[in-house]
Amino acid sequence: MLKIENLHAFYGKSHILHGVDLEVKPGEIVSLLGRNGSGRSTTIKTIMGLVDGHGSVKWQDKEMLGAKPYDIARSGIGYVPESRDVFPKLTVEQNLLLGQQSGGTKGRKQGRWSLDDMYQMFPRLKERQHTEAGVMSGGEQQMLTLCRTLMGDPDLIMIDEPTEGLAPKIVELVGQYLKELQKRGLGVLLVEQKLTIALDISQRCYVMGHGEVVFHGTPDELRADKYVRREWLEV
């Protein structure tokens, strides 16, 4: 589905990514782990066309590196930023409707998700459907941002730190939500610092350090690798 090879990225003269290799298969949850500053967010921003890079980013065998972010989104890649970026003066329902795509890439299936789907997965959003997004709690805004991205009908969704600052009950809900996406056939690339949830829901994990992939394996293999956890994950 998504295959990245020898990906480099820069912020000005700062060389951030140093030859990253990564792939996500259909219906698979893959976690991208590492400490702050390791290059995780830069990786998915580069995939999304928000940061200039060189190397290869192939989406369903088509090279996407250098494409505009809106073309990447229309091709079937969804992106949930860490900042959430809701439209604060619009209601929950208006935010969700803005996520819908009109038309889309020829040949892609449309209309997989509806407002009813969003409200069924997150009843709290239905309760707040006429509420301005700017007055909602952080957890509610996180739910809204995830659902708004889904309304664009992606085949792969990249999510940056979805549990940051959330209460434990909401963290558990986000984990259940991601498993539900997998059941519906979506691929998920998850940037996450909470090792517990990442290891619980992922099929494979990548660990980054200093802009490079320093580990790739299954959750069980990462649990067993004390050196990688100590050197690149634990604080």
Protein backbone atom coordinates (compact mmCIF):
# COMPACT_ATOMS: atom_id res chain seq x y z
CA MET A 1 0.00 0.00 0.00
CA LEU A 2 2.60 2.57 1.16
CA LYS A 3 6.30 2.02 0.54
CA ILE A 4 8.98 4.54 1.52
CA GLU A 5 12.58 4.11 0.46
CA ASN A 6 15.68 6.18 1.28
CA LEU A 7 13.60 9.18 2.38
CA HIS A 8 15.52 12.34 3.30
CA ALA A 9 14.01 15.61 4.48
CA PHE A 10 15.29 19.02 5.50
CA TYR A 11 14.13 22.06 7.45
CA GLY A 12 16.23 24.79 5.88
CA LYS A 13 19.83 23.58 6.20
CA SER A 14 18.96 21.07 8.94
CA HIS A 15 19.02 17.47 7.67
CA ILE A 16 16.18 15.79 9.60
CA LEU A 17 15.52 12.43 7.90
CA HIS A 18 18.46 10.26 6.88
CA GLY A 19 17.33 7.55 4.48
CA VAL A 20 14.13 6.27 6.10
CA ASP A 21 12.67 2.96 4.80
CA LEU A 22 9.12 2.06 5.85
CA GLU A 23 6.03 0.32 4.54
CA VAL A 24 2.38 -0.15 5.48
CA LYS A 25 0.30 -3.00 4.06
CA PRO A 26 -3.48 -2.92 3.51
CA GLY A 27 -5.48 -3.37 6.72
CA GLU A 28 -2.38 -3.14 8.91
CA ILE A 29 -1.66 -0.95 11.92
CA VAL A 30 1.98 0.15 11.98
CA SER A 31 3.38 2.26 14.82
CA LEU A 32 6.18 4.76 14.39
CA LEU A 33 7.84 5.17 17.78
CA GLY A 34 10.64 7.26 19.22
CA ARG A 35 11.43 10.20 21.45
CA ASN A 36 10.53 13.78 20.63
CA GLY A 37 12.80 15.08 17.89
CA SER A 38 13.51 11.65 16.42
CA GLY A 39 11.87 12.48 13.07
CA ARG A 40 8.53 10.70 13.38
CA SER A 41 6.28 13.68 12.68
CA THR A 42 8.60 14.88 9.93
CA THR A 43 8.28 11.48 8.25
CA ILE A 44 4.51 11.64 7.93
CA LYS A 45 4.56 15.34 7.01
CA THR A 46 6.97 14.49 4.18
CA ILE A 47 4.71 11.66 3.03
CA MET A 48 1.83 14.16 3.03
CA GLY A 49 3.75 16.69 0.95
CA LEU A 50 4.01 19.23 3.77
CA VAL A 51 7.82 18.99 3.99
CA ASP A 52 10.15 18.79 1.00
CA GLY A 53 12.06 15.54 0.69
CA HIS A 54 13.91 13.31 -1.70
CA GLY A 55 13.95 9.56 -2.10
CA SER A 56 10.78 7.59 -2.86
CA VAL A 57 7.24 7.61 -1.46
CA LYS A 58 5.13 5.14 -3.41
CA TRP A 59 1.40 4.92 -2.77
CA GLN A 60 -0.27 1.94 -4.44
CA ASP A 61 2.76 1.74 -6.78
CA LYS A 62 2.53 5.41 -7.79
CA GLU A 63 5.31 7.83 -6.86
CA MET A 64 3.84 10.61 -4.69
CA LEU A 65 6.93 12.50 -3.53
CA GLY A 66 6.65 16.05 -4.81
CA ALA A 67 2.86 15.93 -5.25
CA LYS A 68 0.65 18.61 -3.70
CA PRO A 69 -0.91 17.75 -0.31
CA TYR A 70 -4.46 18.01 -1.69
CA ASP A 71 -3.62 15.58 -4.50
CA ILE A 72 -2.12 13.17 -1.96
CA ALA A 73 -5.27 13.42 0.16
CA ARG A 74 -7.49 12.78 -2.87
CA SER A 75 -5.44 9.73 -3.76
CA GLY A 76 -6.57 8.05 -0.52
CA ILE A 77 -4.14 9.10 2.22
CA GLY A 78 -5.66 10.78 5.29
CA TYR A 79 -3.65 12.79 7.81
CA VAL A 80 -4.59 13.67 11.39
CA PRO A 81 -2.15 16.30 12.71
CA GLU A 82 -1.02 16.45 16.32
CA SER A 83 -2.40 20.00 16.58
CA ARG A 84 -5.94 18.71 15.74
CA ASP A 85 -6.74 21.88 13.76
CA VAL A 86 -10.51 21.92 14.12
CA PHE A 87 -12.43 24.90 12.77
CA PRO A 88 -13.31 26.50 16.13
CA LYS A 89 -16.30 28.61 15.05
CA LEU A 90 -17.95 25.79 13.09
CA THR A 91 -20.11 23.15 14.72
CA VAL A 92 -19.11 19.51 15.06
CA GLU A 93 -21.33 18.55 12.14
CA GLN A 94 -20.02 21.36 9.94
CA ASN A 95 -16.44 20.25 10.66
CA LEU A 96 -17.33 16.70 9.67
CA LEU A 97 -19.05 17.77 6.45
CA LEU A 98 -15.99 19.81 5.47
CA GLY A 99 -14.00 16.58 5.51
CA GLN A 100 -16.05 15.09 2.69
CA GLN A 101 -14.49 15.01 -0.75
CA SER A 102 -16.46 15.97 -3.81
CA GLY A 103 -15.63 13.65 -6.69
CA GLY A 104 -12.26 12.08 -6.00
CA THR A 105 -9.69 10.12 -7.91
CA LYS A 106 -11.21 8.12 -10.72
CA GLY A 107 -11.67 4.50 -9.80
CA ARG A 108 -11.65 5.02 -6.02
CA LYS A 109 -14.63 3.89 -4.04
CA GLN A 110 -16.43 6.82 -2.39
CA GLY A 111 -18.92 7.12 0.43
CA ARG A 112 -17.53 4.44 2.73
CA TRP A 113 -18.16 6.61 5.80
CA SER A 114 -21.17 8.69 6.78
CA LEU A 115 -22.15 11.03 9.59
CA ASP A 116 -24.10 8.18 11.14
CA ASP A 117 -20.91 6.06 11.21
CA MET A 118 -19.08 8.83 13.06
CA TYR A 119 -21.88 9.29 15.57
CA GLN A 120 -22.16 5.56 16.13
CA MET A 121 -18.45 5.21 16.90
CA PHE A 122 -18.36 8.35 19.02
CA PRO A 123 -21.80 9.02 20.57
CA ARG A 124 -20.32 12.07 22.29
CA LEU A 125 -19.97 13.75 18.89
CA LYS A 126 -23.66 13.21 18.21
CA GLU A 127 -24.48 14.81 21.54
CA ARG A 128 -22.30 17.78 20.56
CA GLN A 129 -23.17 17.93 16.85
CA HIS A 130 -24.50 21.51 17.07
CA THR A 131 -21.74 22.74 19.41
CA GLU A 132 -18.91 24.96 18.16
CA ALA A 133 -15.73 22.88 18.00
CA GLY A 134 -13.66 25.54 19.74
CA VAL A 135 -15.41 25.08 23.09
CA MET A 136 -14.99 21.30 23.18
CA SER A 137 -12.51 19.45 25.36
CA GLY A 138 -9.20 18.18 23.99
CA GLY A 139 -10.50 14.62 23.86
CA GLU A 140 -13.63 15.66 22.00
CA GLN A 141 -11.57 17.65 19.50
CA GLN A 142 -9.34 14.62 18.95
CA MET A 143 -12.39 12.47 18.17
CA LEU A 144 -13.65 15.16 15.80
CA THR A 145 -10.36 15.47 13.93
CA LEU A 146 -10.11 11.71 13.47
CA CYS A 147 -13.67 11.52 12.18
CA ARG A 148 -13.30 14.53 9.90
CA THR A 149 -10.34 12.83 8.22
CA LEU A 150 -12.36 9.65 7.80
CA MET A 151 -15.11 11.58 6.03
CA GLY A 152 -12.61 12.05 3.19
CA ASP A 153 -12.78 8.26 2.67
CA PRO A 154 -9.05 7.41 2.92
CA ASP A 155 -7.56 3.96 2.41
CA LEU A 156 -4.66 4.80 4.73
CA ILE A 157 -4.81 7.15 7.69
CA MET A 158 -1.69 8.65 9.30
CA ILE A 159 -2.28 9.84 12.87
CA ASP A 160 0.20 11.99 14.81
CA GLU A 161 0.12 11.53 18.60
CA PRO A 162 -3.64 10.91 18.97
CA THR A 163 -3.43 10.22 22.72
CA GLU A 164 -1.30 13.23 23.69
CA GLY A 165 -2.82 14.95 26.72
CA LEU A 166 -5.88 12.71 26.86
CA ALA A 167 -7.39 11.03 29.92
CA PRO A 168 -6.78 7.26 30.25
CA LYS A 169 -10.40 6.41 29.38
CA ILE A 170 -10.18 8.44 26.16
CA VAL A 171 -6.84 6.81 25.32
CA GLU A 172 -8.51 3.42 25.58
CA LEU A 173 -11.34 4.65 23.36
CA VAL A 174 -8.87 5.83 20.70
CA GLY A 175 -7.26 2.38 20.71
CA GLN A 176 -10.64 0.73 20.15
CA TYR A 177 -11.37 3.21 17.39
CA LEU A 178 -8.14 2.35 15.55
CA LYS A 179 -8.92 -1.36 15.76
CA GLU A 180 -12.33 -0.61 14.25
CA LEU A 181 -10.64 1.16 11.33
CA GLN A 182 -8.49 -1.91 10.78
CA LYS A 183 -11.57 -4.14 10.75
CA ARG A 184 -12.96 -1.96 7.96
CA GLY A 185 -9.84 -2.54 5.88
CA LEU A 186 -7.96 0.71 6.45
CA GLY A 187 -4.22 0.87 6.86
CA VAL A 188 -3.04 2.94 9.85
CA LEU A 189 0.34 4.60 10.37
CA LEU A 190 0.40 5.69 14.00
CA VAL A 191 2.92 8.10 15.50
CA GLU A 192 2.75 7.47 19.23
CA GLN A 193 4.79 7.92 22.39
CA LYS A 194 2.69 5.70 24.65
CA LEU A 195 4.38 2.36 24.16
CA THR A 196 1.59 0.35 25.79
CA ILE A 197 -1.16 1.27 23.34
CA ALA A 198 1.18 1.04 20.34
CA LEU A 199 2.32 -2.48 21.22
CA ASP A 200 -1.23 -3.56 21.99
CA ILE A 201 -2.81 -2.63 18.65
CA SER A 202 0.04 -2.76 16.11
CA GLN A 203 1.12 -5.57 13.83
CA ARG A 204 4.55 -4.03 13.26
CA CYS A 205 6.63 -1.27 14.84
CA TYR A 206 9.35 1.06 13.64
CA VAL A 207 11.54 2.91 16.13
CA MET A 208 13.26 6.11 15.03
CA GLY A 209 16.28 7.87 16.43
CA HIS A 210 18.12 10.90 15.03
CA GLY A 211 16.13 10.75 11.79
CA GLU A 212 16.80 7.08 11.09
CA VAL A 213 14.98 3.79 11.63
CA VAL A 214 16.88 1.99 14.39
CA PHE A 215 14.45 -0.93 14.82
CA HIS A 216 11.78 -2.68 12.78
CA GLY A 217 9.87 -5.71 14.01
CA THR A 218 6.78 -7.05 15.71
CA PRO A 219 5.54 -5.79 19.09
CA ASP A 220 6.75 -9.00 20.73
CA GLU A 221 10.23 -8.51 19.25
CA LEU A 222 10.30 -4.94 20.56
CA ARG A 223 9.17 -6.05 24.01
CA ALA A 224 12.06 -8.53 24.05
CA ASP A 225 14.67 -5.99 22.88
CA LYS A 226 15.68 -4.24 26.10
CA TYR A 227 18.55 -2.42 24.41
CA VAL A 228 16.34 -0.66 21.84
CA ARG A 229 13.77 0.28 24.47
CA ARG A 230 16.43 1.65 26.82
CA GLU A 231 18.44 3.54 24.19
CA TRP A 232 15.67 4.91 21.98
CA LEU A 233 12.35 4.89 23.86
CA GLU A 234 12.59 5.08 27.62
CA VAL A 235 13.05 8.45 29.31
